[in-house]
Amino acid sequence: MTTAVEALREHRAQESQRKRESVAQAVAEMLTSGGAITVSAVATRAGVSRQFIYSHQDLYQTVQEATRAPRQRQVPRQQPDVELGLRADRNTLMTKVNRQKAVIENQQERINELEQMRRRWLGDQLSSATSVDPEEHAELRLSCDRLVAENARLNRTIIDLRRINEILKSDLTASRQAHAEDMAQYSQKHEVNSDPAQDGAVSPKTTRAFRPDRVTQRS
């Protein structure tokens, strides 16, 4: 049966082994990547304390040897052929520029055509406007003034007719209400006059029929 002390020792041994592997990996990476190799730098990269490296003589010796070991020269990355790419980009841009120039030229031609059409149309319009008879123009202005005055008069007439219409509607509503009241009073009066109790009529139950045979017997 494993005791607590043995379990603690096993855990410490596993943790120590993990830290040792981290230190060895950190030294190997720093030899490849370059840079100053010190106990502090290795401890920081491995995630351990400096005391851990100092307390293990083999780890400290490994770090010291790494500081004196020749560094592995990094192979420079091959630069891509940027000249070829720039040349292709330049050709693409020149194609777009030429295309835009053609579009601009077409638009400029269209603008010139529209400008010529505008000048021609305005010229014809001005020439026709200068040939208007002054008397005819004055007559047209008088006709326009008469139409404006007639329109104003019609608008006033419409307003008056609308006002009269509202008055007639109000009178019609009042007449209907008065007629309804008269009909109600007439109906009530007719019911009172047709009541037998009010006229003094004899009830059929108390009226005796006339019998001639009884008169004969009495005589």
Protein backbone atom coordinates (compact mmCIF):
# COMPACT_ATOMS: atom_id res chain seq x y z
CA MET A 1 0.00 0.00 0.00
CA THR A 2 1.40 3.38 -1.06
CA THR A 3 1.77 5.83 1.79
CA ALA A 4 1.30 9.59 1.58
CA VAL A 5 5.03 10.17 1.84
CA GLU A 6 5.74 7.88 -1.07
CA ALA A 7 3.04 9.54 -3.16
CA LEU A 8 4.52 12.96 -2.40
CA ARG A 9 7.98 11.77 -3.38
CA GLU A 10 6.64 10.37 -6.64
CA HIS A 11 4.86 13.62 -7.43
CA ARG A 12 8.01 15.66 -6.75
CA ALA A 13 10.05 13.35 -8.96
CA GLN A 14 7.58 13.73 -11.84
CA GLU A 15 7.51 17.51 -11.42
CA SER A 16 11.30 17.68 -11.35
CA GLN A 17 11.53 15.58 -14.50
CA ARG A 18 9.05 17.86 -16.27
CA LYS A 19 11.06 20.95 -15.35
CA ARG A 20 14.30 19.33 -16.50
CA GLU A 21 12.75 18.57 -19.88
CA SER A 22 11.49 22.15 -20.14
CA VAL A 23 14.98 23.52 -19.44
CA ALA A 24 16.56 21.24 -22.05
CA GLN A 25 13.96 22.24 -24.64
CA ALA A 26 14.44 25.94 -23.86
CA VAL A 27 18.22 25.66 -24.34
CA ALA A 28 17.76 23.88 -27.68
CA GLU A 29 15.30 26.49 -28.94
CA MET A 30 17.54 29.38 -27.88
CA LEU A 31 20.51 27.83 -29.66
CA THR A 32 18.46 27.70 -32.85
CA SER A 33 16.75 31.08 -32.62
CA GLY A 34 19.80 33.02 -31.46
CA GLY A 35 20.10 35.60 -28.73
CA ALA A 36 21.95 35.74 -25.42
CA ILE A 37 21.78 32.54 -23.37
CA THR A 38 21.85 33.08 -19.63
CA VAL A 39 20.46 31.28 -16.61
CA SER A 40 17.74 33.92 -16.23
CA ALA A 41 16.77 33.75 -19.92
CA VAL A 42 16.60 29.95 -19.89
CA ALA A 43 14.60 29.91 -16.64
CA THR A 44 12.11 32.43 -18.02
CA ARG A 45 11.67 30.53 -21.28
CA ALA A 46 11.32 27.16 -19.50
CA GLY A 47 8.96 28.50 -16.85
CA VAL A 48 11.12 27.49 -13.89
CA SER A 49 13.02 29.38 -11.23
CA ARG A 50 16.75 30.15 -11.42
CA GLN A 51 17.20 28.30 -8.13
CA PHE A 52 15.99 25.13 -9.81
CA ILE A 53 18.75 25.39 -12.44
CA TYR A 54 21.42 26.27 -9.86
CA SER A 55 20.36 23.36 -7.62
CA HIS A 56 20.86 20.83 -10.44
CA GLN A 57 24.49 20.78 -11.47
CA ASP A 58 23.87 19.00 -14.76
CA LEU A 59 21.31 21.61 -15.84
CA TYR A 60 23.62 24.45 -14.89
CA GLN A 61 26.45 22.79 -16.82
CA THR A 62 24.18 22.45 -19.86
CA VAL A 63 23.38 26.16 -19.78
CA GLN A 64 27.05 27.09 -19.44
CA GLU A 65 28.02 24.88 -22.37
CA ALA A 66 25.24 26.44 -24.45
CA THR A 67 26.66 29.90 -23.84
CA ARG A 68 29.99 28.78 -25.34
CA ALA A 69 28.57 26.58 -28.11
CA PRO A 70 28.61 27.91 -31.69
CA ARG A 71 25.20 29.15 -32.76
CA GLN A 72 23.37 27.56 -35.62
CA ARG A 73 23.17 30.05 -38.43
CA GLN A 74 19.65 30.61 -39.51
CA VAL A 75 19.07 30.02 -43.16
CA PRO A 76 17.65 33.22 -44.64
CA ARG A 77 14.32 32.88 -46.26
CA GLN A 78 14.28 33.14 -49.99
CA GLN A 79 12.75 36.39 -51.08
CA PRO A 80 9.99 35.99 -53.66
CA ASP A 81 10.45 37.41 -57.09
CA VAL A 82 8.83 40.76 -56.32
CA GLU A 83 9.90 42.24 -59.62
CA LEU A 84 7.73 39.81 -61.54
CA GLY A 85 4.76 40.54 -59.30
CA LEU A 86 5.24 44.29 -59.60
CA ARG A 87 5.45 44.02 -63.35
CA ALA A 88 2.17 42.08 -63.49
CA ASP A 89 0.49 44.64 -61.22
CA ARG A 90 1.77 47.47 -63.41
CA ASN A 91 0.35 45.84 -66.54
CA THR A 92 -3.01 45.36 -64.84
CA LEU A 93 -3.10 48.98 -63.70
CA MET A 94 -2.16 50.25 -67.16
CA THR A 95 -4.98 48.21 -68.68
CA LYS A 96 -7.46 49.74 -66.24
CA VAL A 97 -6.13 53.24 -66.91
CA ASN A 98 -6.47 52.83 -70.68
CA ARG A 99 -9.99 51.52 -70.24
CA GLN A 100 -10.94 54.50 -68.10
CA LYS A 101 -9.42 56.87 -70.66
CA ALA A 102 -11.62 55.36 -73.37
CA VAL A 103 -14.71 55.76 -71.18
CA ILE A 104 -13.81 59.39 -70.46
CA GLU A 105 -13.34 60.13 -74.15
CA ASN A 106 -16.74 58.62 -74.98
CA GLN A 107 -18.38 60.65 -72.25
CA GLN A 108 -16.69 63.83 -73.46
CA GLU A 109 -17.97 63.23 -76.99
CA ARG A 110 -21.48 62.70 -75.65
CA ILE A 111 -21.25 65.93 -73.65
CA ASN A 112 -20.17 67.83 -76.75
CA GLU A 113 -23.11 66.44 -78.72
CA LEU A 114 -25.57 67.43 -76.00
CA GLU A 115 -24.06 70.90 -75.80
CA GLN A 116 -24.50 71.37 -79.54
CA MET A 117 -28.10 70.17 -79.35
CA ARG A 118 -28.79 72.55 -76.46
CA ARG A 119 -27.36 75.53 -78.31
CA ARG A 120 -29.30 74.66 -81.45
CA TRP A 121 -32.58 74.26 -79.56
CA LEU A 122 -32.12 77.47 -77.56
CA GLY A 123 -31.23 79.33 -80.72
CA ASP A 124 -34.45 78.20 -82.44
CA GLN A 125 -36.47 79.05 -79.37
CA LEU A 126 -34.98 82.54 -79.08
CA SER A 127 -35.54 83.23 -82.77
CA SER A 128 -39.19 82.15 -82.52
CA ALA A 129 -39.68 84.19 -79.36
CA THR A 130 -38.43 87.38 -81.02
CA SER A 131 -41.07 87.03 -83.75
CA VAL A 132 -44.06 87.29 -81.33
CA ASP A 133 -46.53 90.09 -82.15
CA PRO A 134 -46.70 92.65 -79.29
CA GLU A 135 -50.47 93.13 -79.75
CA GLU A 136 -51.04 89.38 -79.60
CA HIS A 137 -48.89 89.20 -76.50
CA ALA A 138 -50.91 91.98 -74.82
CA GLU A 139 -54.17 90.24 -75.71
CA LEU A 140 -52.91 87.02 -74.21
CA ARG A 141 -52.03 88.83 -71.01
CA LEU A 142 -55.54 90.35 -70.82
CA SER A 143 -57.11 86.94 -71.38
CA CYS A 144 -54.94 85.50 -68.65
CA ASP A 145 -55.98 88.28 -66.24
CA ARG A 146 -59.66 87.69 -67.04
CA LEU A 147 -59.29 83.97 -66.41
CA VAL A 148 -57.58 84.63 -63.09
CA ALA A 149 -60.40 86.99 -62.02
CA GLU A 150 -63.07 84.50 -63.13
CA ASN A 151 -61.33 81.75 -61.22
CA ALA A 152 -61.30 83.87 -58.07
CA ARG A 153 -65.02 84.66 -58.48
CA LEU A 154 -65.85 80.97 -58.92
CA ASN A 155 -63.87 80.12 -55.81
CA ARG A 156 -65.85 82.67 -53.79
CA THR A 157 -69.11 81.28 -55.20
CA ILE A 158 -68.10 77.76 -54.20
CA ILE A 159 -67.35 78.95 -50.67
CA ASP A 160 -70.78 80.64 -50.43
CA LEU A 161 -72.56 77.56 -51.75
CA ARG A 162 -70.80 75.37 -49.23
CA ARG A 163 -71.87 77.71 -46.42
CA ILE A 164 -75.50 77.63 -47.65
CA ASN A 165 -75.33 73.85 -47.88
CA GLU A 166 -74.24 73.61 -44.26
CA ILE A 167 -77.14 75.87 -43.20
CA LEU A 168 -79.64 73.75 -45.15
CA LYS A 169 -78.27 70.59 -43.59
CA SER A 170 -78.74 72.09 -40.12
CA ASP A 171 -82.34 73.14 -40.93
CA LEU A 172 -83.11 69.69 -42.33
CA THR A 173 -81.84 68.02 -39.17
CA ALA A 174 -83.98 70.30 -36.99
CA SER A 175 -87.06 69.64 -39.18
CA ARG A 176 -86.58 65.90 -38.94
CA GLN A 177 -86.29 66.10 -35.17
CA ALA A 178 -89.46 68.23 -34.90
CA HIS A 179 -91.35 65.84 -37.20
CA ALA A 180 -90.28 62.88 -35.08
CA GLU A 181 -91.55 64.63 -31.93
CA ASP A 182 -94.91 65.46 -33.61
CA MET A 183 -95.36 61.87 -34.72
CA ALA A 184 -94.64 60.62 -31.21
CA GLN A 185 -97.23 63.00 -29.70
CA TYR A 186 -99.82 62.05 -32.34
CA SER A 187 -99.34 58.34 -31.68
CA GLN A 188 -99.70 58.83 -27.93
CA LYS A 189 -102.89 60.89 -28.35
CA HIS A 190 -104.44 58.33 -30.72
CA GLU A 191 -103.84 55.53 -28.22
CA VAL A 192 -105.60 57.51 -25.47
CA ASN A 193 -108.67 58.23 -27.64
CA SER A 194 -109.09 54.59 -28.68
CA ASP A 195 -109.16 53.25 -25.05
CA PRO A 196 -112.72 51.84 -24.18
CA ALA A 197 -112.41 52.76 -20.51
CA GLN A 198 -111.91 56.41 -21.44
CA ASP A 199 -115.01 56.45 -23.79
CA GLY A 200 -117.46 54.99 -21.17
CA ALA A 201 -118.12 51.81 -23.18
CA VAL A 202 -119.79 48.84 -21.46
CA SER A 203 -117.81 45.70 -21.08
CA PRO A 204 -119.08 42.74 -23.11
CA LYS A 205 -119.18 40.59 -19.96
CA THR A 206 -121.77 42.84 -18.22
CA THR A 207 -124.07 43.41 -21.26
CA ARG A 208 -127.15 41.21 -21.58
CA ALA A 209 -128.57 40.28 -24.94
CA PHE A 210 -132.17 41.37 -25.80
CA ARG A 211 -134.61 38.41 -25.80
CA PRO A 212 -138.17 39.03 -27.19
CA ASP A 213 -139.61 35.81 -25.68
CA ARG A 214 -139.13 37.15 -22.17
CA VAL A 215 -141.14 40.26 -23.00
CA THR A 216 -144.01 38.08 -24.31
CA GLN A 217 -144.16 35.92 -21.18
CA ARG A 218 -144.35 38.93 -18.90
CA SER A 219 -147.23 40.39 -20.83
